[in-house]
Amino acid sequence: MPELVMKSRFPEKKRKKAPAPVAWPEVEVRHPAEAAEAVAHFLFENGASAVLEEESEAGLVSRAGFGPDQDLAHLKGRLDAFLTRLALLFDLPFRPEASWRRIEAGDWAESWKRGLAPIEIGRRLVIRPSWCAYEAAPGQAVLTLDPGLAFGTGHHETTRLCLEAIEAFFDDPGRAAARVLDVGAGSGILALAAAALGRGPVLAVDNDPEVLPVAAENLRLNRLEDRVLLAAAGPEAVRGVFDLVLANLHQGALLRLAPVLADLTAPGGRLVLSGLLLDQVDEVARSFWEAGLTELSRPTRGEWAALELTPNQRA
């Protein structure tokens, strides 16, 4: 017997399917501590919404989130090649390794912001992310800083060592008009601090032109754009001498630049170096002694160190 098929006079409306959850790519890079700045810079430069850094038994883990429209095949290839070059350039104890996964949609930028809060440097200097409120005490200089693509928020030990050295330098009223050079400007944080605490000219140079717009925006946020000159250049292109020279770089760059930085430091001036692990300081100090500078102090924070030097007195 034929089957009777009943049809409704009013066809059911097709239900709209809920949009599938968007998966965001996330990468974990396991690397030695001395590669932290280079890894973070690469990830930001290649579109990371945020980079979160955690300690691990073998060193550090940097986690970064990317938007769902990221060309992952291209990025994975670039990151793999970068990590290989990084291991050779820094002579790392092991090659950094990257692992990828997909995560549920989330706001990486907001997650990152929650991990950053205003920090007080010494007695006078405060670094405040633009999304955080801070009520300044009398005599405090409050800097607003959004790191964006560039490394440098004031939270890393190497940056903080430099900021403490800048504040100590300007504690002497006789240095208020000091000429300052910031080598490897990044986010502009060191140049900002020097301009806020002193009243002399500040030159900030970086050989990566892509980070300069970040530094320029931070200068604008603090209304210091007329006080600091930004230049896409290395220190080799700079002429003249400066009362305070700042270089928060990795060991290899500092060793290579020792004669250049020595020549840029005025007699009686101060050269502040950072970006060094504790076991790297002796070699760098010897290199700068050979370039004509005397070590004044060696402040440390955790496994990181800075060097403060001055030109040798000539007879």
C-alpha atoms as a PDB file:
ATOM      1  CA  MET A   1       0.000   0.000   0.000  1.00  0.00           C
ATOM      2  CA  PRO A   2       1.409   3.436  -0.836  1.00  0.00           C
ATOM      3  CA  GLU A   3       2.484   5.517   2.126  1.00  0.00           C
ATOM      4  CA  LEU A   4       0.622   8.709   2.884  1.00  0.00           C
ATOM      5  CA  VAL A   5       3.009  11.573   3.440  1.00  0.00           C
ATOM      6  CA  MET A   6       1.568  14.471   5.404  1.00  0.00           C
ATOM      7  CA  LYS A   7       2.892  17.944   4.672  1.00  0.00           C
ATOM      8  CA  SER A   8       2.191  21.038   6.649  1.00  0.00           C
ATOM      9  CA  ARG A   9       0.531  23.945   4.864  1.00  0.00           C
ATOM     10  CA  PHE A  10       3.017  26.205   6.590  1.00  0.00           C
ATOM     11  CA  PRO A  11       6.570  25.012   6.111  1.00  0.00           C
ATOM     12  CA  GLU A  12       8.763  25.383   9.163  1.00  0.00           C
ATOM     13  CA  LYS A  13      11.209  28.233   9.091  1.00  0.00           C
ATOM     14  CA  LYS A  14      14.763  27.088   8.990  1.00  0.00           C
ATOM     15  CA  ARG A  15      16.440  27.811  12.247  1.00  0.00           C
ATOM     16  CA  LYS A  16      19.550  29.880  11.941  1.00  0.00           C
ATOM     17  CA  LYS A  17      22.530  28.044  13.168  1.00  0.00           C
ATOM     18  CA  ALA A  18      24.395  29.729  15.966  1.00  0.00           C
ATOM     19  CA  PRO A  19      27.727  30.973  14.701  1.00  0.00           C
ATOM     20  CA  ALA A  20      30.502  28.557  15.412  1.00  0.00           C
ATOM     21  CA  PRO A  21      32.848  29.757  18.124  1.00  0.00           C
ATOM     22  CA  VAL A  22      35.901  31.429  16.659  1.00  0.00           C
ATOM     23  CA  ALA A  23      39.163  29.743  17.546  1.00  0.00           C
ATOM     24  CA  TRP A  24      42.134  31.973  18.164  1.00  0.00           C
ATOM     25  CA  PRO A  25      45.687  30.716  17.663  1.00  0.00           C
ATOM     26  CA  GLU A  26      47.978  30.745  20.676  1.00  0.00           C
ATOM     27  CA  VAL A  27      51.682  29.969  20.747  1.00  0.00           C
ATOM     28  CA  GLU A  28      53.938  29.006  23.641  1.00  0.00           C
ATOM     29  CA  VAL A  29      57.640  29.649  23.178  1.00  0.00           C
ATOM     30  CA  ARG A  30      59.977  28.001  25.674  1.00  0.00           C
ATOM     31  CA  HIS A  31      63.300  29.811  25.734  1.00  0.00           C
ATOM     32  CA  PRO A  32      66.246  30.823  27.946  1.00  0.00           C
ATOM     33  CA  ALA A  33      65.750  33.986  30.011  1.00  0.00           C
ATOM     34  CA  GLU A  34      68.293  36.015  28.010  1.00  0.00           C
ATOM     35  CA  ALA A  35      66.126  35.703  24.878  1.00  0.00           C
ATOM     36  CA  ALA A  36      62.992  37.188  26.518  1.00  0.00           C
ATOM     37  CA  GLU A  37      63.148  40.639  24.950  1.00  0.00           C
ATOM     38  CA  ALA A  38      63.913  39.361  21.461  1.00  0.00           C
ATOM     39  CA  VAL A  39      61.085  36.790  21.571  1.00  0.00           C
ATOM     40  CA  ALA A  40      58.539  39.315  22.869  1.00  0.00           C
ATOM     41  CA  HIS A  41      59.520  41.857  20.236  1.00  0.00           C
ATOM     42  CA  PHE A  42      59.182  39.311  17.410  1.00  0.00           C
ATOM     43  CA  LEU A  43      55.736  38.189  18.591  1.00  0.00           C
ATOM     44  CA  PHE A  44      54.416  41.748  18.917  1.00  0.00           C
ATOM     45  CA  GLU A  45      55.912  42.721  15.563  1.00  0.00           C
ATOM     46  CA  ASN A  46      54.090  39.828  13.908  1.00  0.00           C
ATOM     47  CA  GLY A  47      50.639  40.659  15.209  1.00  0.00           C
ATOM     48  CA  ALA A  48      50.364  39.302  18.755  1.00  0.00           C
ATOM     49  CA  SER A  49      47.564  40.886  20.771  1.00  0.00           C
ATOM     50  CA  ALA A  50      49.594  40.350  23.933  1.00  0.00           C
ATOM     51  CA  VAL A  51      52.585  38.454  25.252  1.00  0.00           C
ATOM     52  CA  LEU A  52      52.469  36.932  28.730  1.00  0.00           C
ATOM     53  CA  GLU A  53      55.726  35.748  30.293  1.00  0.00           C
ATOM     54  CA  GLU A  54      55.983  32.976  32.898  1.00  0.00           C
ATOM     55  CA  GLU A  55      58.900  31.246  34.580  1.00  0.00           C
ATOM     56  CA  SER A  56      59.639  27.589  33.854  1.00  0.00           C
ATOM     57  CA  GLU A  57      62.197  25.073  35.076  1.00  0.00           C
ATOM     58  CA  ALA A  58      64.349  25.515  31.983  1.00  0.00           C
ATOM     59  CA  GLY A  59      63.958  29.294  31.631  1.00  0.00           C
ATOM     60  CA  LEU A  60      60.868  31.199  30.533  1.00  0.00           C
ATOM     61  CA  VAL A  61      57.663  30.569  28.626  1.00  0.00           C
ATOM     62  CA  SER A  62      56.249  33.390  26.487  1.00  0.00           C
ATOM     63  CA  ARG A  63      52.596  32.927  25.485  1.00  0.00           C
ATOM     64  CA  ALA A  64      51.065  35.027  22.731  1.00  0.00           C
ATOM     65  CA  GLY A  65      47.571  35.228  21.265  1.00  0.00           C
ATOM     66  CA  PHE A  66      46.796  36.134  17.653  1.00  0.00           C
ATOM     67  CA  GLY A  67      43.612  37.102  15.836  1.00  0.00           C
ATOM     68  CA  PRO A  68      41.605  34.422  13.983  1.00  0.00           C
ATOM     69  CA  ASP A  69      42.483  35.867  10.571  1.00  0.00           C
ATOM     70  CA  GLN A  70      46.227  35.373  11.094  1.00  0.00           C
ATOM     71  CA  ASP A  71      48.060  33.542   8.272  1.00  0.00           C
ATOM     72  CA  LEU A  72      49.296  30.769  10.547  1.00  0.00           C
ATOM     73  CA  ALA A  73      51.292  28.813   7.981  1.00  0.00           C
ATOM     74  CA  HIS A  74      53.348  31.907   7.167  1.00  0.00           C
ATOM     75  CA  LEU A  75      53.740  32.895  10.819  1.00  0.00           C
ATOM     76  CA  LYS A  76      54.826  29.422  11.916  1.00  0.00           C
ATOM     77  CA  GLY A  77      57.529  29.404   9.252  1.00  0.00           C
ATOM     78  CA  ARG A  78      58.777  32.867  10.201  1.00  0.00           C
ATOM     79  CA  LEU A  79      58.839  32.018  13.913  1.00  0.00           C
ATOM     80  CA  ASP A  80      60.695  28.752  13.351  1.00  0.00           C
ATOM     81  CA  ALA A  81      63.367  30.502  11.266  1.00  0.00           C
ATOM     82  CA  PHE A  82      63.632  33.316  13.811  1.00  0.00           C
ATOM     83  CA  LEU A  83      64.145  30.913  16.735  1.00  0.00           C
ATOM     84  CA  THR A  84      66.921  29.130  14.852  1.00  0.00           C
ATOM     85  CA  ARG A  85      68.704  32.443  14.138  1.00  0.00           C
ATOM     86  CA  LEU A  86      68.160  33.557  17.724  1.00  0.00           C
ATOM     87  CA  ALA A  87      69.847  30.469  19.163  1.00  0.00           C
ATOM     88  CA  LEU A  88      72.897  31.049  16.970  1.00  0.00           C
ATOM     89  CA  LEU A  89      73.060  34.822  17.521  1.00  0.00           C
ATOM     90  CA  PHE A  90      72.794  34.670  21.319  1.00  0.00           C
ATOM     91  CA  ASP A  91      74.689  31.355  21.617  1.00  0.00           C
ATOM     92  CA  LEU A  92      71.777  30.089  23.697  1.00  0.00           C
ATOM     93  CA  PRO A  93      72.111  26.971  25.874  1.00  0.00           C
ATOM     94  CA  PHE A  94      69.171  25.427  23.988  1.00  0.00           C
ATOM     95  CA  ARG A  95      67.114  26.258  20.914  1.00  0.00           C
ATOM     96  CA  PRO A  96      63.784  27.886  21.792  1.00  0.00           C
ATOM     97  CA  GLU A  97      60.802  25.717  20.852  1.00  0.00           C
ATOM     98  CA  ALA A  98      57.304  26.814  19.870  1.00  0.00           C
ATOM     99  CA  SER A  99      54.056  24.903  20.305  1.00  0.00           C
ATOM    100  CA  TRP A 100      50.700  26.009  18.879  1.00  0.00           C
ATOM    101  CA  ARG A 101      47.075  25.420  19.823  1.00  0.00           C
ATOM    102  CA  ARG A 102      43.628  26.887  19.202  1.00  0.00           C
ATOM    103  CA  ILE A 103      41.785  28.599  22.046  1.00  0.00           C
ATOM    104  CA  GLU A 104      38.255  29.933  22.440  1.00  0.00           C
ATOM    105  CA  ALA A 105      37.696  33.510  21.421  1.00  0.00           C
ATOM    106  CA  GLY A 106      38.863  35.865  24.090  1.00  0.00           C
ATOM    107  CA  ASP A 107      40.269  39.288  24.555  1.00  0.00           C
ATOM    108  CA  TRP A 108      43.991  38.771  24.895  1.00  0.00           C
ATOM    109  CA  ALA A 109      44.654  42.467  25.119  1.00  0.00           C
ATOM    110  CA  GLU A 110      42.366  42.848  28.142  1.00  0.00           C
ATOM    111  CA  SER A 111      43.922  39.788  29.778  1.00  0.00           C
ATOM    112  CA  TRP A 112      47.346  41.317  29.285  1.00  0.00           C
ATOM    113  CA  LYS A 113      46.263  44.674  30.675  1.00  0.00           C
ATOM    114  CA  ARG A 114      45.032  43.059  33.883  1.00  0.00           C
ATOM    115  CA  GLY A 115      48.589  41.905  34.531  1.00  0.00           C
ATOM    116  CA  LEU A 116      50.038  45.421  34.391  1.00  0.00           C
ATOM    117  CA  ALA A 117      49.626  48.016  37.118  1.00  0.00           C
ATOM    118  CA  PRO A 118      51.335  51.318  37.971  1.00  0.00           C
ATOM    119  CA  ILE A 119      54.833  50.850  39.362  1.00  0.00           C
ATOM    120  CA  GLU A 120      56.814  53.231  41.532  1.00  0.00           C
ATOM    121  CA  ILE A 121      60.503  53.622  40.743  1.00  0.00           C
ATOM    122  CA  GLY A 122      62.449  55.001  43.685  1.00  0.00           C
ATOM    123  CA  ARG A 123      60.939  58.110  45.251  1.00  0.00           C
ATOM    124  CA  ARG A 124      59.949  60.239  42.261  1.00  0.00           C
ATOM    125  CA  LEU A 125      59.156  58.176  39.180  1.00  0.00           C
ATOM    126  CA  VAL A 126      55.908  56.317  38.458  1.00  0.00           C
ATOM    127  CA  ILE A 127      55.070  54.342  35.304  1.00  0.00           C
ATOM    128  CA  ARG A 128      51.292  54.195  34.701  1.00  0.00           C
ATOM    129  CA  PRO A 129      49.562  52.251  31.916  1.00  0.00           C
ATOM    130  CA  SER A 130      46.976  54.521  30.281  1.00  0.00           C
ATOM    131  CA  TRP A 131      44.101  52.314  31.500  1.00  0.00           C
ATOM    132  CA  CYS A 132      45.120  52.648  35.188  1.00  0.00           C
ATOM    133  CA  ALA A 133      44.394  55.586  37.486  1.00  0.00           C
ATOM    134  CA  TYR A 134      47.104  56.880  39.815  1.00  0.00           C
ATOM    135  CA  GLU A 135      47.063  59.756  42.274  1.00  0.00           C
ATOM    136  CA  ALA A 136      50.527  61.280  42.337  1.00  0.00           C
ATOM    137  CA  ALA A 137      52.196  62.347  45.553  1.00  0.00           C
ATOM    138  CA  PRO A 138      53.940  65.736  45.684  1.00  0.00           C
ATOM    139  CA  GLY A 139      57.172  65.647  43.678  1.00  0.00           C
ATOM    140  CA  GLN A 140      56.346  62.472  41.751  1.00  0.00           C
ATOM    141  CA  ALA A 141      56.665  62.364  37.973  1.00  0.00           C
ATOM    142  CA  VAL A 142      53.948  60.105  36.539  1.00  0.00           C
ATOM    143  CA  LEU A 143      54.520  58.720  33.039  1.00  0.00           C
ATOM    144  CA  THR A 144      51.720  57.206  30.966  1.00  0.00           C
ATOM    145  CA  LEU A 145      52.984  54.306  28.903  1.00  0.00           C
ATOM    146  CA  ASP A 146      51.367  51.959  26.400  1.00  0.00           C
ATOM    147  CA  PRO A 147      54.044  49.567  25.126  1.00  0.00           C
ATOM    148  CA  GLY A 148      52.194  48.485  21.971  1.00  0.00           C
ATOM    149  CA  LEU A 149      54.572  46.740  19.573  1.00  0.00           C
ATOM    150  CA  ALA A 150      57.695  47.604  21.504  1.00  0.00           C
ATOM    151  CA  PHE A 151      59.251  46.005  24.533  1.00  0.00           C
ATOM    152  CA  GLY A 152      59.499  48.161  27.627  1.00  0.00           C
ATOM    153  CA  THR A 153      56.786  48.572  30.255  1.00  0.00           C
ATOM    154  CA  GLY A 154      58.964  49.123  33.319  1.00  0.00           C
ATOM    155  CA  HIS A 155      58.048  45.744  34.764  1.00  0.00           C
ATOM    156  CA  HIS A 156      61.046  43.828  33.442  1.00  0.00           C
ATOM    157  CA  GLU A 157      64.079  43.840  35.733  1.00  0.00           C
ATOM    158  CA  THR A 158      66.422  45.265  33.092  1.00  0.00           C
ATOM    159  CA  THR A 159      64.141  48.226  32.384  1.00  0.00           C
ATOM    160  CA  ARG A 160      63.627  48.894  36.067  1.00  0.00           C
ATOM    161  CA  LEU A 161      67.389  48.889  36.728  1.00  0.00           C
ATOM    162  CA  CYS A 162      67.781  51.582  34.058  1.00  0.00           C
ATOM    163  CA  LEU A 163      64.904  53.652  35.444  1.00  0.00           C
ATOM    164  CA  GLU A 164      66.410  53.514  38.937  1.00  0.00           C
ATOM    165  CA  ALA A 165      69.750  54.663  37.520  1.00  0.00           C
ATOM    166  CA  ILE A 166      68.068  57.576  35.701  1.00  0.00           C
ATOM    167  CA  GLU A 167      66.323  58.750  38.866  1.00  0.00           C
ATOM    168  CA  ALA A 168      69.537  58.482  40.888  1.00  0.00           C
ATOM    169  CA  PHE A 169      71.419  60.466  38.211  1.00  0.00           C
ATOM    170  CA  PHE A 170      68.917  63.334  38.304  1.00  0.00           C
ATOM    171  CA  ASP A 171      68.841  63.397  42.110  1.00  0.00           C
ATOM    172  CA  ASP A 172      71.830  65.704  41.710  1.00  0.00           C
ATOM    173  CA  PRO A 173      70.344  69.170  40.934  1.00  0.00           C
ATOM    174  CA  GLY A 174      73.493  70.066  39.033  1.00  0.00           C
ATOM    175  CA  ARG A 175      72.576  67.506  36.370  1.00  0.00           C
ATOM    176  CA  ALA A 176      69.129  68.892  35.576  1.00  0.00           C
ATOM    177  CA  ALA A 177      70.251  70.165  32.151  1.00  0.00           C
ATOM    178  CA  ALA A 178      72.183  66.993  31.249  1.00  0.00           C
ATOM    179  CA  ARG A 179      72.226  65.828  27.626  1.00  0.00           C
ATOM    180  CA  VAL A 180      70.826  62.295  27.359  1.00  0.00           C
ATOM    181  CA  LEU A 181      71.138  59.569  24.714  1.00  0.00           C
ATOM    182  CA  ASP A 182      68.874  56.489  24.755  1.00  0.00           C
ATOM    183  CA  VAL A 183      70.224  53.696  22.536  1.00  0.00           C
ATOM    184  CA  GLY A 184      67.554  51.163  21.526  1.00  0.00           C
ATOM    185  CA  ALA A 185      64.566  53.333  22.379  1.00  0.00           C
ATOM    186  CA  GLY A 186      61.856  50.658  22.048  1.00  0.00           C
ATOM    187  CA  SER A 187      58.698  51.972  23.722  1.00  0.00           C
ATOM    188  CA  GLY A 188      60.576  55.161  24.634  1.00  0.00           C
ATOM    189  CA  ILE A 189      60.320  54.507  28.360  1.00  0.00           C
ATOM    190  CA  LEU A 190      63.905  55.481  29.246  1.00  0.00           C
ATOM    191  CA  ALA A 191      63.812  58.636  27.124  1.00  0.00           C
ATOM    192  CA  LEU A 192      60.472  59.551  28.743  1.00  0.00           C
ATOM    193  CA  ALA A 193      61.933  59.163  32.207  1.00  0.00           C
ATOM    194  CA  ALA A 194      64.976  61.269  31.369  1.00  0.00           C
ATOM    195  CA  ALA A 195      62.801  64.015  29.865  1.00  0.00           C
ATOM    196  CA  ALA A 196      60.421  63.982  32.852  1.00  0.00           C
ATOM    197  CA  LEU A 197      63.158  64.184  35.489  1.00  0.00           C
ATOM    198  CA  GLY A 198      65.588  66.478  33.673  1.00  0.00           C
ATOM    199  CA  ARG A 199      65.243  69.520  31.454  1.00  0.00           C
ATOM    200  CA  GLY A 200      68.075  68.955  28.967  1.00  0.00           C
ATOM    201  CA  PRO A 201      67.846  67.604  25.404  1.00  0.00           C
ATOM    202  CA  VAL A 202      67.113  63.886  24.933  1.00  0.00           C
ATOM    203  CA  LEU A 203      67.950  61.906  21.790  1.00  0.00           C
ATOM    204  CA  ALA A 204      66.435  58.414  21.418  1.00  0.00           C
ATOM    205  CA  VAL A 205      67.624  56.151  18.595  1.00  0.00           C
ATOM    206  CA  ASP A 206      66.500  52.707  17.454  1.00  0.00           C
ATOM    207  CA  ASN A 207      67.598  50.855  14.331  1.00  0.00           C
ATOM    208  CA  ASP A 208      64.136  49.271  14.010  1.00  0.00           C
ATOM    209  CA  PRO A 209      61.946  51.994  12.451  1.00  0.00           C
ATOM    210  CA  GLU A 210      58.755  50.014  13.153  1.00  0.00           C
ATOM    211  CA  VAL A 211      58.940  50.706  16.901  1.00  0.00           C
ATOM    212  CA  LEU A 212      59.380  54.464  16.566  1.00  0.00           C
ATOM    213  CA  PRO A 213      55.648  55.200  16.106  1.00  0.00           C
ATOM    214  CA  VAL A 214      55.051  53.503  19.478  1.00  0.00           C
ATOM    215  CA  ALA A 215      57.649  55.703  21.166  1.00  0.00           C
ATOM    216  CA  ALA A 216      56.234  58.767  19.401  1.00  0.00           C
ATOM    217  CA  GLU A 217      52.734  57.984  20.675  1.00  0.00           C
ATOM    218  CA  ASN A 218      54.024  57.564  24.230  1.00  0.00           C
ATOM    219  CA  LEU A 219      55.769  60.928  23.962  1.00  0.00           C
ATOM    220  CA  ARG A 220      52.511  62.471  22.788  1.00  0.00           C
ATOM    221  CA  LEU A 221      50.567  60.887  25.662  1.00  0.00           C
ATOM    222  CA  ASN A 222      52.964  62.545  28.093  1.00  0.00           C
ATOM    223  CA  ARG A 223      53.216  65.844  26.209  1.00  0.00           C
ATOM    224  CA  LEU A 224      56.964  65.380  25.881  1.00  0.00           C
ATOM    225  CA  GLU A 225      57.192  65.212  22.080  1.00  0.00           C
ATOM    226  CA  ASP A 226      58.985  68.594  22.013  1.00  0.00           C
ATOM    227  CA  ARG A 227      61.597  67.390  24.505  1.00  0.00           C
ATOM    228  CA  VAL A 228      62.742  64.159  22.868  1.00  0.00           C
ATOM    229  CA  LEU A 229      64.128  63.695  19.354  1.00  0.00           C
ATOM    230  CA  LEU A 230      63.469  60.240  17.875  1.00  0.00           C
ATOM    231  CA  ALA A 231      65.684  58.861  15.110  1.00  0.00           C
ATOM    232  CA  ALA A 232      65.709  55.588  13.170  1.00  0.00           C
ATOM    233  CA  ALA A 233      69.430  54.959  13.531  1.00  0.00           C
ATOM    234  CA  GLY A 234      72.062  53.103  15.479  1.00  0.00           C
ATOM    235  CA  PRO A 235      74.501  54.816  17.852  1.00  0.00           C
ATOM    236  CA  GLU A 236      77.193  54.711  15.168  1.00  0.00           C
ATOM    237  CA  ALA A 237      75.320  57.498  13.363  1.00  0.00           C
ATOM    238  CA  VAL A 238      75.247  59.810  16.416  1.00  0.00           C
ATOM    239  CA  ARG A 239      77.732  62.669  16.742  1.00  0.00           C
ATOM    240  CA  GLY A 240      78.741  64.546  19.879  1.00  0.00           C
ATOM    241  CA  VAL A 241      78.886  63.498  23.528  1.00  0.00           C
ATOM    242  CA  PHE A 242      76.219  63.082  26.200  1.00  0.00           C
ATOM    243  CA  ASP A 243      76.194  63.415  29.970  1.00  0.00           C
ATOM    244  CA  LEU A 244      74.005  60.309  30.348  1.00  0.00           C
ATOM    245  CA  VAL A 245      73.999  57.410  27.869  1.00  0.00           C
ATOM    246  CA  LEU A 246      71.498  54.565  28.292  1.00  0.00           C
ATOM    247  CA  ALA A 247      71.758  51.188  26.530  1.00  0.00           C
ATOM    248  CA  ASN A 248      69.404  48.374  27.554  1.00  0.00           C
ATOM    249  CA  LEU A 249      70.557  45.809  24.985  1.00  0.00           C
ATOM    250  CA  HIS A 250      71.706  42.197  24.898  1.00  0.00           C
ATOM    251  CA  GLN A 251      75.270  41.155  25.667  1.00  0.00           C
ATOM    252  CA  GLY A 252      76.377  40.707  22.061  1.00  0.00           C
ATOM    253  CA  ALA A 253      75.266  44.202  21.075  1.00  0.00           C
ATOM    254  CA  LEU A 254      76.947  45.778  24.104  1.00  0.00           C
ATOM    255  CA  LEU A 255      80.254  44.036  23.405  1.00  0.00           C
ATOM    256  CA  ARG A 256      80.145  45.156  19.776  1.00  0.00           C
ATOM    257  CA  LEU A 257      79.204  48.738  20.652  1.00  0.00           C
ATOM    258  CA  ALA A 258      81.656  49.245  23.527  1.00  0.00           C
ATOM    259  CA  PRO A 259      83.998  51.668  21.659  1.00  0.00           C
ATOM    260  CA  VAL A 260      81.053  53.564  20.171  1.00  0.00           C
ATOM    261  CA  LEU A 261      79.233  54.023  23.483  1.00  0.00           C
ATOM    262  CA  ALA A 262      82.483  54.993  25.203  1.00  0.00           C
ATOM    263  CA  ASP A 263      83.103  57.760  22.653  1.00  0.00           C
ATOM    264  CA  LEU A 264      79.532  59.076  23.127  1.00  0.00           C
ATOM    265  CA  THR A 265      79.898  59.431  26.914  1.00  0.00           C
ATOM    266  CA  ALA A 266      81.117  62.883  27.968  1.00  0.00           C
ATOM    267  CA  PRO A 267      84.026  63.255  30.419  1.00  0.00           C
ATOM    268  CA  GLY A 268      82.544  63.019  33.897  1.00  0.00           C
ATOM    269  CA  GLY A 269      79.349  61.572  32.383  1.00  0.00           C
ATOM    270  CA  ARG A 270      77.554  58.329  33.083  1.00  0.00           C
ATOM    271  CA  LEU A 271      76.980  55.263  30.889  1.00  0.00           C
ATOM    272  CA  VAL A 272      74.234  52.876  32.055  1.00  0.00           C
ATOM    273  CA  LEU A 273      74.149  49.386  30.521  1.00  0.00           C
ATOM    274  CA  SER A 274      71.558  46.671  31.130  1.00  0.00           C
ATOM    275  CA  GLY A 275      70.000  43.630  29.486  1.00  0.00           C
ATOM    276  CA  LEU A 276      72.636  41.437  31.145  1.00  0.00           C
ATOM    277  CA  LEU A 277      72.378  38.195  33.061  1.00  0.00           C
ATOM    278  CA  LEU A 278      74.566  37.958  36.151  1.00  0.00           C
ATOM    279  CA  ASP A 279      77.094  35.658  34.497  1.00  0.00           C
ATOM    280  CA  GLN A 280      77.530  38.076  31.563  1.00  0.00           C
ATOM    281  CA  VAL A 281      78.505  41.173  33.528  1.00  0.00           C
ATOM    282  CA  ASP A 282      82.213  40.467  34.031  1.00  0.00           C
ATOM    283  CA  GLU A 283      82.909  40.075  30.313  1.00  0.00           C
ATOM    284  CA  VAL A 284      81.010  43.250  29.451  1.00  0.00           C
ATOM    285  CA  ALA A 285      82.743  45.209  32.240  1.00  0.00           C
ATOM    286  CA  ARG A 286      86.154  44.118  30.910  1.00  0.00           C
ATOM    287  CA  SER A 287      85.213  45.150  27.396  1.00  0.00           C
ATOM    288  CA  PHE A 288      84.200  48.637  28.519  1.00  0.00           C
ATOM    289  CA  TRP A 289      87.303  48.965  30.699  1.00  0.00           C
ATOM    290  CA  GLU A 290      89.373  48.316  27.579  1.00  0.00           C
ATOM    291  CA  ALA A 291      87.289  50.992  25.825  1.00  0.00           C
ATOM    292  CA  GLY A 292      88.281  53.523  28.505  1.00  0.00           C
ATOM    293  CA  LEU A 293      85.511  53.411  31.136  1.00  0.00           C
ATOM    294  CA  THR A 294      85.607  52.721  34.863  1.00  0.00           C
ATOM    295  CA  GLU A 295      82.875  50.718  36.601  1.00  0.00           C
ATOM    296  CA  LEU A 296      81.056  52.694  39.281  1.00  0.00           C
ATOM    297  CA  SER A 297      78.402  50.205  40.374  1.00  0.00           C
ATOM    298  CA  ARG A 298      76.767  46.914  39.462  1.00  0.00           C
ATOM    299  CA  PRO A 299      73.130  46.907  40.656  1.00  0.00           C
ATOM    300  CA  THR A 300      71.166  43.670  40.309  1.00  0.00           C
ATOM    301  CA  ARG A 301      67.561  42.456  40.331  1.00  0.00           C
ATOM    302  CA  GLY A 302      66.964  38.734  40.399  1.00  0.00           C
ATOM    303  CA  GLU A 303      69.101  37.141  37.693  1.00  0.00           C
ATOM    304  CA  TRP A 304      69.616  40.449  35.839  1.00  0.00           C
ATOM    305  CA  ALA A 305      72.254  43.140  36.267  1.00  0.00           C
ATOM    306  CA  ALA A 306      73.188  46.627  35.116  1.00  0.00           C
ATOM    307  CA  LEU A 307      76.515  48.421  34.877  1.00  0.00           C
ATOM    308  CA  GLU A 308      77.107  52.084  35.618  1.00  0.00           C
ATOM    309  CA  LEU A 309      80.371  53.425  34.203  1.00  0.00           C
ATOM    310  CA  THR A 310      82.210  56.694  33.642  1.00  0.00           C
ATOM    311  CA  PRO A 311      85.119  57.617  31.344  1.00  0.00           C
ATOM    312  CA  ASN A 312      88.558  57.143  32.881  1.00  0.00           C
ATOM    313  CA  GLN A 313      90.221  60.317  34.094  1.00  0.00           C
ATOM    314  CA  ARG A 314      92.999  61.191  31.698  1.00  0.00           C
ATOM    315  CA  ALA A 315      96.226  62.607  33.056  1.00  0.00           C
END
